[in-house]
N, C-alpha and C. Protein backbone atom coordinates (compact mmCIF):
# COMPACT_ATOMS: atom_id res chain seq x y z
N MET A 1 105.67 238.14 -17.43
CA MET A 1 105.71 239.49 -17.61
C MET A 1 105.88 240.07 -15.98
N LYS A 2 105.18 239.27 -15.11
CA LYS A 2 105.43 239.61 -13.63
C LYS A 2 106.70 239.22 -13.19
N ILE A 3 107.05 238.11 -13.65
CA ILE A 3 108.59 237.69 -13.13
C ILE A 3 109.62 238.50 -13.62
N GLU A 4 109.64 239.21 -15.12
CA GLU A 4 110.41 240.10 -15.29
C GLU A 4 110.49 241.36 -14.60
N ARG A 5 109.19 241.81 -14.24
CA ARG A 5 109.13 243.01 -13.38
C ARG A 5 109.55 242.71 -12.06
N LEU A 6 109.49 241.50 -11.49
CA LEU A 6 110.05 241.42 -10.03
C LEU A 6 111.56 241.18 -10.23
N SER A 7 112.03 240.71 -11.13
CA SER A 7 113.57 240.70 -11.37
C SER A 7 114.10 242.09 -11.49
N MET A 8 113.48 242.83 -12.06
CA MET A 8 113.95 244.22 -12.39
C MET A 8 113.87 245.11 -11.16
N LEU A 9 112.93 244.85 -10.27
CA LEU A 9 112.87 245.54 -9.08
C LEU A 9 113.84 244.92 -8.08
N LEU A 10 114.14 243.66 -8.00
CA LEU A 10 115.14 243.20 -7.21
C LEU A 10 116.48 243.56 -7.63
N LEU A 11 116.86 243.79 -8.94
CA LEU A 11 117.95 244.14 -9.44
C LEU A 11 118.29 245.73 -8.91
N VAL A 12 117.11 246.50 -9.10
CA VAL A 12 117.31 247.90 -8.73
C VAL A 12 117.62 247.95 -7.35
N ALA A 13 117.02 247.22 -6.38
CA ALA A 13 117.23 247.03 -5.09
C ALA A 13 118.60 246.67 -4.51
N ALA A 14 119.03 245.66 -5.30
CA ALA A 14 120.45 245.24 -5.03
C ALA A 14 121.40 246.35 -5.27
N LEU A 15 121.09 247.13 -6.43
CA LEU A 15 122.19 248.04 -6.87
C LEU A 15 122.12 249.25 -5.93
N ALA A 16 120.81 249.45 -5.37
CA ALA A 16 120.77 250.55 -4.27
C ALA A 16 121.51 250.25 -3.00
N VAL A 17 121.53 248.96 -2.74
CA VAL A 17 122.23 248.49 -1.42
C VAL A 17 123.80 248.75 -1.68
N VAL A 18 124.20 248.30 -2.77
CA VAL A 18 125.61 248.32 -3.26
C VAL A 18 126.03 249.76 -3.11
N LEU A 19 125.30 250.61 -3.82
CA LEU A 19 125.62 252.07 -3.68
C LEU A 19 125.77 252.76 -2.29
N PHE A 20 124.83 252.37 -1.41
CA PHE A 20 124.61 252.78 -0.12
C PHE A 20 125.92 252.31 0.78
N ASN A 21 126.23 251.02 0.45
CA ASN A 21 127.41 250.43 1.35
C ASN A 21 128.62 251.15 0.81
N SER A 22 128.80 251.31 -0.37
CA SER A 22 129.86 251.93 -1.14
C SER A 22 130.22 253.33 -0.36
N PHE A 23 129.01 254.18 -0.31
CA PHE A 23 129.09 255.44 0.41
C PHE A 23 129.41 255.42 1.72
N GLN A 24 128.88 254.39 2.57
CA GLN A 24 129.20 254.34 4.01
C GLN A 24 130.82 254.01 4.11
N ILE A 25 131.33 253.25 3.24
CA ILE A 25 132.63 252.84 3.41
C ILE A 25 133.54 254.06 3.34
N SER A 26 133.24 254.86 2.00
CA SER A 26 133.98 255.96 1.79
C SER A 26 133.79 256.91 2.92
N GLN A 27 132.72 257.15 3.72
CA GLN A 27 132.70 257.99 4.71
C GLN A 27 133.77 257.51 5.82
N MET A 28 133.50 256.26 6.20
CA MET A 28 134.43 255.68 7.23
C MET A 28 135.87 256.03 7.00
N LYS A 29 136.31 255.89 5.80
CA LYS A 29 137.71 255.94 5.31
C LYS A 29 138.11 257.44 5.66
N GLY A 30 137.23 258.33 5.32
CA GLY A 30 137.55 259.79 5.54
C GLY A 30 137.47 260.22 6.82
N SER A 31 136.91 259.54 7.89
CA SER A 31 136.68 260.05 9.19
C SER A 31 137.98 259.69 9.96
N SER A 32 138.33 260.69 10.72
CA SER A 32 139.42 260.42 11.75
C SER A 32 138.97 260.20 13.19
N SER A 33 137.69 260.14 13.33
CA SER A 33 137.15 259.83 14.59
C SER A 33 137.11 258.41 14.86
N ILE A 34 137.24 257.59 14.02
CA ILE A 34 137.27 256.25 14.17
C ILE A 34 138.61 255.65 14.99
N THR A 35 138.36 254.92 16.01
CA THR A 35 139.63 254.52 16.68
C THR A 35 140.61 253.73 15.84
N GLY A 36 141.87 254.21 15.87
CA GLY A 36 142.80 253.66 15.14
C GLY A 36 142.86 254.05 13.67
N ALA A 37 142.04 254.71 13.21
CA ALA A 37 141.90 255.14 11.66
C ALA A 37 142.82 256.26 11.44
N ALA A 38 142.98 257.20 12.44
CA ALA A 38 143.84 258.42 12.14
C ALA A 38 145.22 258.29 12.44
N VAL A 39 146.12 258.57 11.37
CA VAL A 39 147.55 258.56 11.64
C VAL A 39 147.89 260.11 11.88
N ILE A 40 148.46 260.38 13.01
CA ILE A 40 148.96 261.63 13.35
C ILE A 40 150.47 261.58 13.16
N LYS A 41 150.77 262.58 12.33
CA LYS A 41 152.25 262.93 12.00
C LYS A 41 152.44 264.42 11.98
N VAL A 42 153.35 264.73 12.94
CA VAL A 42 153.63 266.19 13.17
C VAL A 42 155.14 266.54 12.54
N SER A 43 155.34 267.25 11.80
CA SER A 43 156.69 267.50 11.18
C SER A 43 157.19 268.86 11.86
N GLU A 44 158.64 268.96 11.81
CA GLU A 44 159.10 270.23 12.32
C GLU A 44 158.37 271.58 11.82
N GLN A 45 158.18 271.51 10.52
CA GLN A 45 157.65 272.59 9.98
C GLN A 45 156.15 273.05 10.55
N ASP A 46 155.41 272.09 11.19
CA ASP A 46 154.25 272.30 11.71
C ASP A 46 154.44 273.14 13.14
N VAL A 47 155.57 272.92 13.67
CA VAL A 47 155.58 273.67 15.13
C VAL A 47 156.71 274.64 15.21
N ILE A 48 157.49 274.89 14.18
CA ILE A 48 158.59 275.89 14.11
C ILE A 48 157.92 277.32 13.88
N PRO A 49 158.23 278.27 14.92
CA PRO A 49 157.68 279.61 14.79
C PRO A 49 158.50 280.38 13.58
N LYS A 50 158.00 281.23 13.00
CA LYS A 50 158.48 282.04 11.89
C LYS A 50 158.35 283.31 11.95
N GLY A 51 159.26 284.18 11.26
CA GLY A 51 159.08 285.50 11.10
C GLY A 51 159.58 286.35 12.42
N VAL A 52 159.39 287.67 12.47
CA VAL A 52 159.77 288.61 13.54
C VAL A 52 158.91 288.52 14.62
N PRO A 53 159.37 288.33 15.95
CA PRO A 53 158.50 288.42 16.93
C PRO A 53 157.90 289.74 17.14
N LYS A 54 156.61 289.74 17.41
CA LYS A 54 155.79 291.02 17.48
C LYS A 54 156.59 291.86 18.67
N ILE A 55 156.46 293.14 18.51
CA ILE A 55 156.97 294.15 19.62
C ILE A 55 158.53 294.05 19.67
N TYR A 56 159.01 292.97 20.40
CA TYR A 56 160.31 292.98 20.72
C TYR A 56 161.37 292.54 19.68
N GLY A 57 160.74 291.73 18.53
CA GLY A 57 161.72 291.36 17.43
C GLY A 57 162.44 292.52 16.71
N SER A 58 161.66 293.40 16.39
CA SER A 58 162.35 294.67 15.65
C SER A 58 163.16 295.52 16.60
N GLU A 59 162.87 295.46 17.91
CA GLU A 59 163.63 296.28 18.83
C GLU A 59 164.98 295.67 19.00
N LEU A 60 165.10 294.44 19.06
CA LEU A 60 166.34 293.73 19.38
C LEU A 60 166.98 293.30 18.02
N GLY A 61 166.17 293.36 16.95
CA GLY A 61 166.90 292.92 15.62
C GLY A 61 166.99 291.48 15.49
N VAL A 62 166.07 290.80 16.06
CA VAL A 62 165.99 289.22 15.89
C VAL A 62 164.89 288.66 15.17
N SER A 63 165.02 287.58 14.65
CA SER A 63 163.86 286.89 13.92
C SER A 63 163.88 285.37 14.26
N PHE A 64 162.75 284.77 14.38
CA PHE A 64 162.72 283.23 14.56
C PHE A 64 163.47 282.61 13.38
N ASP A 65 163.58 283.23 12.33
CA ASP A 65 164.09 282.77 11.19
C ASP A 65 165.68 282.58 11.25
N ASP A 66 166.23 283.41 12.21
CA ASP A 66 167.72 283.47 12.47
C ASP A 66 168.10 281.99 12.90
N ILE A 67 167.28 281.39 13.55
CA ILE A 67 167.59 280.11 14.29
C ILE A 67 167.46 278.85 13.41
N SER A 68 168.53 278.50 12.66
CA SER A 68 168.31 277.48 11.73
C SER A 68 169.78 276.58 11.55
N SER A 69 169.55 275.26 11.41
CA SER A 69 170.85 274.53 11.37
C SER A 69 171.50 274.85 9.88
N LEU A 70 170.84 275.56 9.12
CA LEU A 70 171.41 275.81 7.65
C LEU A 70 172.35 276.90 7.88
N ASN A 71 172.26 277.78 8.87
CA ASN A 71 173.10 278.86 9.05
C ASN A 71 173.63 278.89 10.63
N GLN A 72 174.54 278.05 10.97
CA GLN A 72 174.80 277.89 12.48
C GLN A 72 175.44 279.00 12.98
N GLN A 73 175.99 279.90 11.97
CA GLN A 73 176.86 281.23 12.55
C GLN A 73 175.77 282.14 12.96
N LEU A 74 174.73 282.37 12.08
CA LEU A 74 173.62 283.31 12.52
C LEU A 74 172.93 282.77 13.69
N ALA A 75 172.74 281.51 13.87
CA ALA A 75 171.85 281.00 15.02
C ALA A 75 172.85 281.28 16.12
N ASP A 76 173.95 280.93 16.19
CA ASP A 76 174.74 281.28 17.45
C ASP A 76 174.95 282.77 17.77
N ALA A 77 174.92 283.62 16.71
CA ALA A 77 174.99 285.16 16.99
C ALA A 77 173.75 285.57 17.52
N THR A 78 172.55 285.04 17.21
CA THR A 78 171.33 285.40 17.64
C THR A 78 171.12 284.80 19.10
N ILE A 79 171.43 283.77 19.33
CA ILE A 79 171.40 283.10 20.74
C ILE A 79 172.32 283.88 21.62
N ASN A 80 173.33 284.11 21.19
CA ASN A 80 174.44 285.00 22.04
C ASN A 80 173.81 286.47 22.31
N LYS A 81 172.96 286.97 21.33
CA LYS A 81 172.45 288.35 21.56
C LYS A 81 171.24 288.36 22.52
N LEU A 82 170.55 287.28 22.57
CA LEU A 82 169.53 287.09 23.46
C LEU A 82 170.09 286.70 24.85
N GLY A 83 171.22 285.97 24.83
CA GLY A 83 171.82 285.61 26.22
C GLY A 83 172.38 286.72 26.85
N ALA A 84 172.83 287.78 25.97
CA ALA A 84 173.53 288.92 26.65
C ALA A 84 172.37 289.75 27.55
N LEU A 85 171.32 289.64 27.18
CA LEU A 85 170.26 290.32 27.90
C LEU A 85 170.10 289.65 29.21
N ASP A 86 170.20 288.46 29.44
CA ASP A 86 170.33 287.91 30.68
C ASP A 86 171.46 288.42 31.61
N ARG A 87 172.48 288.56 31.09
CA ARG A 87 173.63 289.19 31.78
C ARG A 87 173.43 290.62 32.13
N SER A 88 172.76 291.33 31.34
CA SER A 88 172.89 292.71 31.55
C SER A 88 171.61 293.46 32.28
N ILE A 89 170.61 292.54 32.29
CA ILE A 89 169.23 293.02 32.92
C ILE A 89 169.22 292.33 34.40
N GLU A 90 168.97 293.14 35.30
CA GLU A 90 168.90 292.85 36.75
C GLU A 90 167.47 293.26 37.27
N LEU A 91 166.67 292.27 37.47
CA LEU A 91 165.24 292.62 37.92
C LEU A 91 165.16 292.63 39.47
N ARG A 92 164.25 293.31 40.02
CA ARG A 92 164.18 293.49 41.30
C ARG A 92 162.71 293.59 41.77
N GLY A 93 162.42 293.32 43.08
CA GLY A 93 161.07 293.58 43.48
C GLY A 93 159.99 292.64 42.76
N GLY A 94 158.96 293.22 42.37
CA GLY A 94 157.86 292.70 41.80
C GLY A 94 158.14 292.00 40.45
N GLN A 95 158.94 292.64 39.65
CA GLN A 95 159.54 292.18 38.57
C GLN A 95 160.33 290.80 38.62
N LEU A 96 161.13 290.73 39.56
CA LEU A 96 161.96 289.67 39.85
C LEU A 96 161.04 288.44 40.33
N GLN A 97 160.11 288.61 41.14
CA GLN A 97 159.18 287.57 41.44
C GLN A 97 158.31 287.21 40.28
N ARG A 98 158.01 288.05 39.39
CA ARG A 98 157.10 287.64 38.18
C ARG A 98 158.10 286.72 37.37
N TYR A 99 159.37 287.29 37.27
CA TYR A 99 160.43 286.47 36.38
C TYR A 99 160.58 285.06 37.07
N ILE A 100 160.70 284.92 38.33
CA ILE A 100 160.84 283.58 38.92
C ILE A 100 159.66 282.73 38.63
N ALA A 101 158.41 283.26 38.83
CA ALA A 101 157.14 282.47 38.47
C ALA A 101 157.18 281.95 37.11
N ILE A 102 157.62 282.85 36.19
CA ILE A 102 157.59 282.34 34.80
C ILE A 102 158.65 281.50 34.24
N ALA A 103 159.98 281.83 34.74
CA ALA A 103 161.08 281.02 34.21
C ALA A 103 161.29 279.65 34.98
N SER A 104 160.47 279.69 36.08
CA SER A 104 160.61 278.25 36.77
C SER A 104 159.86 277.28 36.02
N LYS A 105 158.99 277.58 35.10
CA LYS A 105 158.16 276.76 34.47
C LYS A 105 158.77 276.06 33.17
N ILE A 106 160.04 276.39 32.89
CA ILE A 106 160.59 275.82 31.63
C ILE A 106 161.99 275.52 31.85
N SER A 107 162.38 274.48 31.35
CA SER A 107 163.76 274.06 31.25
C SER A 107 164.53 273.79 30.09
N CYS A 108 165.69 273.40 30.01
CA CYS A 108 166.53 273.18 28.81
C CYS A 108 166.93 271.64 28.90
N GLU A 109 166.02 270.72 29.16
CA GLU A 109 166.19 269.24 29.60
C GLU A 109 166.87 268.59 28.54
N TYR A 110 166.75 269.12 27.13
CA TYR A 110 167.55 268.08 26.13
C TYR A 110 169.08 268.58 26.31
N CYS A 111 169.45 269.56 26.99
CA CYS A 111 170.90 269.99 26.89
C CYS A 111 171.40 269.73 28.32
N CYS A 112 170.60 269.92 29.42
CA CYS A 112 170.98 269.56 30.84
C CYS A 112 169.83 268.94 31.59
N GLY A 113 170.10 268.44 32.74
CA GLY A 113 169.08 267.84 33.50
C GLY A 113 168.42 268.76 34.49
N ALA A 114 168.65 270.03 34.50
CA ALA A 114 168.07 271.08 35.52
C ALA A 114 166.65 270.90 35.63
N ALA A 115 166.04 271.13 36.65
CA ALA A 115 164.50 271.18 36.89
C ALA A 115 163.97 272.26 35.92
N SER A 116 164.68 273.38 36.07
CA SER A 116 164.20 274.69 35.27
C SER A 116 165.46 275.59 34.88
N ILE A 117 165.40 276.48 34.18
CA ILE A 117 166.43 277.28 33.75
C ILE A 117 166.99 278.38 34.96
N ILE A 118 166.17 278.22 36.05
CA ILE A 118 166.46 279.15 37.12
C ILE A 118 166.36 278.32 38.31
N PHE A 119 166.99 278.87 39.50
CA PHE A 119 166.76 278.30 40.76
C PHE A 119 165.68 279.02 41.45
N SER A 120 165.18 278.61 42.59
CA SER A 120 163.83 279.28 43.22
C SER A 120 164.25 280.78 43.47
N ASN A 121 165.49 281.28 43.58
CA ASN A 121 165.95 282.57 44.06
C ASN A 121 165.96 283.41 42.54
N GLY A 122 165.77 282.85 41.51
CA GLY A 122 166.02 283.48 40.21
C GLY A 122 167.28 283.52 39.65
N GLN A 123 168.14 282.80 40.25
CA GLN A 123 169.62 282.63 39.80
C GLN A 123 169.64 281.64 38.71
N ALA A 124 170.57 281.80 37.86
CA ALA A 124 170.72 280.89 36.59
C ALA A 124 170.94 279.47 37.12
N ALA A 125 170.09 278.44 36.61
CA ALA A 125 170.35 277.12 37.10
C ALA A 125 171.14 276.09 36.02
N CYS A 126 171.02 276.78 34.87
CA CYS A 126 171.69 276.11 33.66
C CYS A 126 172.61 277.10 32.93
N GLY A 127 173.77 276.64 32.62
CA GLY A 127 174.75 277.44 31.94
C GLY A 127 174.92 277.26 30.42
N CYS A 128 173.89 276.59 29.89
CA CYS A 128 173.93 276.45 28.40
C CYS A 128 173.60 277.78 27.73
N ALA A 129 173.94 277.85 26.44
CA ALA A 129 173.51 279.18 25.81
C ALA A 129 172.11 279.17 25.55
N HIS A 130 171.30 278.16 25.30
CA HIS A 130 170.00 278.13 25.15
C HIS A 130 169.35 278.72 26.39
N SER A 131 169.63 278.24 27.49
CA SER A 131 168.94 278.76 28.85
C SER A 131 169.28 280.39 29.00
N TYR A 132 170.54 280.78 28.75
CA TYR A 132 170.71 282.12 28.79
C TYR A 132 169.82 283.03 27.79
N ALA A 133 169.55 282.58 26.64
CA ALA A 133 168.69 283.10 25.66
C ALA A 133 167.33 283.31 26.29
N MET A 134 166.85 282.16 26.75
CA MET A 134 165.40 282.12 27.11
C MET A 134 165.40 282.98 28.55
N ARG A 135 166.27 282.97 29.27
CA ARG A 135 166.19 284.00 30.40
C ARG A 135 166.38 285.32 29.94
N GLY A 136 167.10 285.56 29.06
CA GLY A 136 167.23 287.05 28.36
C GLY A 136 165.98 287.52 27.90
N VAL A 137 165.18 286.65 27.14
CA VAL A 137 163.99 287.02 26.53
C VAL A 137 163.01 287.25 27.73
N ALA A 138 163.02 286.57 28.74
CA ALA A 138 161.98 286.74 29.80
C ALA A 138 162.28 288.06 30.46
N LYS A 139 163.59 288.29 30.93
CA LYS A 139 163.99 289.61 31.48
C LYS A 139 163.66 290.79 30.75
N TYR A 140 163.88 290.59 29.41
CA TYR A 140 163.60 291.91 28.62
C TYR A 140 162.17 292.07 28.40
N LEU A 141 161.44 291.05 28.22
CA LEU A 141 159.89 291.38 28.15
C LEU A 141 159.22 291.93 29.53
N ILE A 142 159.82 291.32 30.50
CA ILE A 142 159.24 291.86 31.84
C ILE A 142 159.59 293.20 32.01
N GLU A 143 160.93 293.63 31.79
CA GLU A 143 161.41 294.97 32.11
C GLU A 143 160.77 295.96 31.13
N ASN A 144 160.61 295.57 29.87
CA ASN A 144 160.43 296.67 28.93
C ASN A 144 158.92 296.56 28.41
N HIS A 145 158.31 295.34 28.55
CA HIS A 145 156.82 295.23 28.04
C HIS A 145 156.01 294.27 29.01
N GLY A 146 156.25 294.67 30.25
CA GLY A 146 155.55 293.92 31.25
C GLY A 146 154.03 294.07 31.21
N ASP A 147 153.60 295.25 30.67
CA ASP A 147 152.19 295.43 30.69
C ASP A 147 151.50 294.92 29.39
N GLU A 148 152.42 294.53 28.34
CA GLU A 148 151.75 294.14 27.09
C GLU A 148 151.81 292.54 27.00
N TYR A 149 152.59 291.99 28.01
CA TYR A 149 152.66 290.41 27.82
C TYR A 149 152.10 289.95 29.20
N SER A 150 151.20 288.99 29.15
CA SER A 150 150.77 288.35 30.34
C SER A 150 151.94 287.18 30.71
N ASP A 151 151.82 286.80 31.91
CA ASP A 151 152.79 285.72 32.21
C ASP A 151 152.91 284.60 31.26
N ASP A 152 151.68 284.03 30.83
CA ASP A 152 151.48 283.00 29.90
C ASP A 152 152.12 283.43 28.45
N GLU A 153 151.94 284.71 28.11
CA GLU A 153 152.40 285.19 26.97
C GLU A 153 153.87 285.16 26.83
N VAL A 154 154.52 285.59 27.94
CA VAL A 154 156.08 285.55 28.24
C VAL A 154 156.56 284.12 27.99
N LEU A 155 155.83 283.23 28.63
CA LEU A 155 156.26 281.79 28.86
C LEU A 155 156.01 281.32 27.37
N GLU A 156 155.20 281.71 26.68
CA GLU A 156 154.75 281.16 25.23
C GLU A 156 156.04 281.75 24.43
N GLU A 157 156.42 282.89 24.60
CA GLU A 157 157.82 283.51 23.75
C GLU A 157 158.90 282.50 24.22
N LEU A 158 159.27 282.17 25.27
CA LEU A 158 160.23 281.28 25.74
C LEU A 158 160.08 279.74 25.04
N GLY A 159 158.90 279.50 25.07
CA GLY A 159 158.63 278.33 24.35
C GLY A 159 158.87 278.21 22.82
N LYS A 160 158.55 279.35 22.19
CA LYS A 160 158.82 279.44 20.87
C LYS A 160 160.35 279.31 20.56
N TRP A 161 161.04 280.01 21.30
CA TRP A 161 162.67 280.09 21.01
C TRP A 161 163.16 278.51 21.40
N LYS A 162 162.64 278.04 22.47
CA LYS A 162 163.14 276.78 22.71
C LYS A 162 162.72 275.73 21.72
N THR A 163 161.60 275.73 21.00
CA THR A 163 161.33 275.00 19.95
C THR A 163 162.32 275.08 18.79
N LEU A 164 162.79 276.34 18.52
CA LEU A 164 163.68 276.67 17.44
C LEU A 164 165.10 275.93 17.94
N PHE A 165 165.47 275.89 19.15
CA PHE A 165 166.64 275.33 19.59
C PHE A 165 166.64 273.80 19.51
N PHE A 166 165.48 273.16 19.86
CA PHE A 166 165.48 271.68 19.74
C PHE A 166 164.28 271.20 18.87
N PRO A 167 164.39 271.56 17.60
CA PRO A 167 163.25 271.32 16.69
C PRO A 167 162.88 269.94 16.41
N SER A 168 163.83 268.92 16.50
CA SER A 168 163.37 267.56 16.24
C SER A 168 162.72 266.82 17.57
N GLN A 169 163.42 267.21 18.63
CA GLN A 169 162.76 266.68 19.79
C GLN A 169 161.24 267.24 20.08
N LEU A 170 161.08 268.52 19.88
CA LEU A 170 159.82 269.05 20.22
C LEU A 170 158.74 268.80 19.04
N SER A 171 159.23 268.48 17.81
CA SER A 171 158.19 268.08 16.84
C SER A 171 157.74 266.68 17.21
N GLN A 172 158.66 265.67 17.79
CA GLN A 172 158.30 264.44 18.31
C GLN A 172 157.35 264.67 19.42
N LYS A 173 157.68 265.52 20.32
CA LYS A 173 156.72 265.76 21.48
C LYS A 173 155.40 266.13 21.01
N ALA A 174 155.43 267.11 19.94
CA ALA A 174 154.24 267.51 19.52
C ALA A 174 153.30 266.39 19.09
N GLU A 175 153.90 265.37 18.28
CA GLU A 175 153.17 264.33 17.83
C GLU A 175 152.57 263.51 19.02
N VAL A 176 153.36 263.28 20.12
CA VAL A 176 152.78 262.61 21.35
C VAL A 176 151.58 263.34 21.82
N LEU A 177 151.82 264.63 21.89
CA LEU A 177 150.70 265.50 22.53
C LEU A 177 149.48 265.38 21.65
N SER A 178 149.72 265.35 20.39
CA SER A 178 148.50 265.24 19.45
C SER A 178 147.82 263.73 19.76
N GLU A 179 148.67 262.82 19.65
CA GLU A 179 148.08 261.55 19.98
C GLU A 179 147.28 261.36 21.19
N ASN A 180 147.70 262.12 22.13
CA ASN A 180 146.86 262.06 23.48
C ASN A 180 145.79 263.06 23.58
N GLY A 181 145.43 263.74 22.48
CA GLY A 181 144.34 264.75 22.49
C GLY A 181 144.68 266.07 23.24
N ILE A 182 146.09 266.28 23.58
CA ILE A 182 146.43 267.51 24.15
C ILE A 182 146.52 268.67 23.18
N GLU A 183 145.98 269.97 23.56
CA GLU A 183 146.02 270.89 22.58
C GLU A 183 147.59 271.37 22.24
N LEU A 184 147.78 271.72 21.11
CA LEU A 184 149.27 271.99 20.69
C LEU A 184 149.44 273.49 20.71
N ASN A 185 150.16 273.97 21.97
CA ASN A 185 150.44 275.40 21.86
C ASN A 185 151.89 275.32 22.63
N TYR A 186 152.69 276.41 22.54
CA TYR A 186 153.82 276.55 22.95
C TYR A 186 154.14 276.34 24.47
N ILE A 187 153.18 276.54 25.29
CA ILE A 187 153.36 276.14 26.77
C ILE A 187 153.22 274.77 26.89
N ASN A 188 152.18 274.12 26.28
CA ASN A 188 152.15 272.68 26.52
C ASN A 188 153.44 271.91 25.79
N LEU A 189 153.87 272.61 24.73
CA LEU A 189 154.91 271.96 24.02
C LEU A 189 156.32 272.09 24.57
N ALA A 190 156.55 273.15 25.11
CA ALA A 190 157.97 273.38 25.34
C ALA A 190 157.96 273.67 26.89
N SER A 191 156.97 273.98 27.80
CA SER A 191 157.39 274.23 29.11
C SER A 191 157.53 272.97 29.95
N ASN A 192 157.45 272.97 31.29
CA ASN A 192 157.61 271.71 31.99
C ASN A 192 156.29 271.02 32.24
N LYS A 193 155.27 271.60 31.65
CA LYS A 193 153.87 271.11 31.96
C LYS A 193 153.78 269.72 31.64
N TYR A 194 154.30 269.29 30.33
CA TYR A 194 154.17 267.82 29.90
C TYR A 194 155.68 267.27 29.64
N ARG A 195 156.64 267.86 30.54
CA ARG A 195 158.08 267.39 30.34
C ARG A 195 158.15 265.77 30.56
N GLY A 196 158.97 265.31 29.49
CA GLY A 196 159.16 263.95 29.53
C GLY A 196 157.95 263.02 28.91
N ILE A 197 156.79 263.54 28.30
CA ILE A 197 155.88 262.94 27.86
C ILE A 197 156.26 262.12 26.63
N GLU A 198 157.38 262.66 25.79
CA GLU A 198 157.91 261.88 24.76
C GLU A 198 158.92 260.86 24.96
N GLN A 199 159.14 260.72 26.36
CA GLN A 199 160.01 259.70 26.73
C GLN A 199 161.49 259.76 26.37
N GLY A 200 162.05 261.03 26.38
CA GLY A 200 163.51 261.25 26.10
C GLY A 200 163.71 261.09 24.47
N ALA A 201 162.89 261.83 23.65
CA ALA A 201 163.15 261.76 22.28
C ALA A 201 164.47 262.32 22.04
N GLY A 202 165.29 261.60 21.21
CA GLY A 202 166.65 262.06 20.77
C GLY A 202 166.53 262.86 19.61
N GLY A 203 167.53 263.48 19.41
CA GLY A 203 167.55 264.39 18.13
C GLY A 203 168.65 265.58 18.17
N GLY A 204 168.82 266.27 17.23
CA GLY A 204 169.89 267.28 17.41
C GLY A 204 169.32 268.62 17.78
N MET A 205 170.29 269.68 17.96
CA MET A 205 169.86 270.94 18.45
C MET A 205 170.61 271.90 17.56
N VAL A 206 170.01 273.22 17.65
CA VAL A 206 170.49 274.48 16.91
C VAL A 206 171.12 275.23 17.92
N GLY A 207 172.46 275.47 17.78
CA GLY A 207 173.12 276.19 18.69
C GLY A 207 173.64 275.43 19.73
N GLY A 208 175.00 275.77 20.18
CA GLY A 208 175.66 274.90 21.09
C GLY A 208 175.23 275.06 22.56
N CYS A 209 175.23 274.03 23.44
CA CYS A 209 175.07 274.27 24.73
C CYS A 209 176.01 275.13 25.62
């Protein structure tokens, strides 16, 4: 009788150990904090901005959704509309200095090798349509909504448009940033802050250079 009771106790204990180990293994599999366990995959849809930009989108009649390889004609028309702002707006004084401080922090490196979209005096450093569009957005926001957008917020808007222009390259860059524990925002993703971290990822663009 004692042997049967002892055997039963051992069986119950063994079962408890098995259940506990199974629970621990399932927790480990579900945890992304284990080195090498997390697989980071960022798709274009994770980084692509969508909808109408606040404040200026309705004023200019533009939407982030206009920039798509599925409708190249609309994408080019929108890029040209933003680029026209660069040609028509001339900033001076404090507005010009603010523009230089912001626009010098972003480039069009997947289309040209310029250090930024402007030279140190504020003149255009890159002649591609994407750069004209980003400069146009910057000038428009500084001239018309300078009190509503901080410098970082203006740069972030430029980053959103750049992400639309180079979706595959910047989705790859987003993946590298995530793998390195760097916060994903449009300044980190699209400005010169982490330029080249993706080591020259290849890919197509939306809109011509």
